[in-house]
Amino acid sequence: MGAPHNIKRYGEVWPEFRIRHGLEILDKLKDIVIISGGWAWHFMSEAGHKEYKHAHDHKDIDVFMKKNM
């Protein structure tokens, strides 16, 4: 499982521009990557939900690709 929630960040949300930029990157890569971690939770959550920092303390994008790509 991931890291425990960061209780110091309860109530903080990720800025919409950070989410939007990440989605723009993932849209370009969607046919060749596997999404995991916080971004996977983003896509499994209901539309319009808030991205709280205490649950997902970072917004990096891990890219997993086949070796031959």
Foldseek 3Di string as FASTA:
>chain_A
DDDAFDVVQPPDFDDPVLVVVVVVVCVVCVVFWDWDDPVVVVVVDDPPDTHGCRRPVDDDTDGDGDPVD
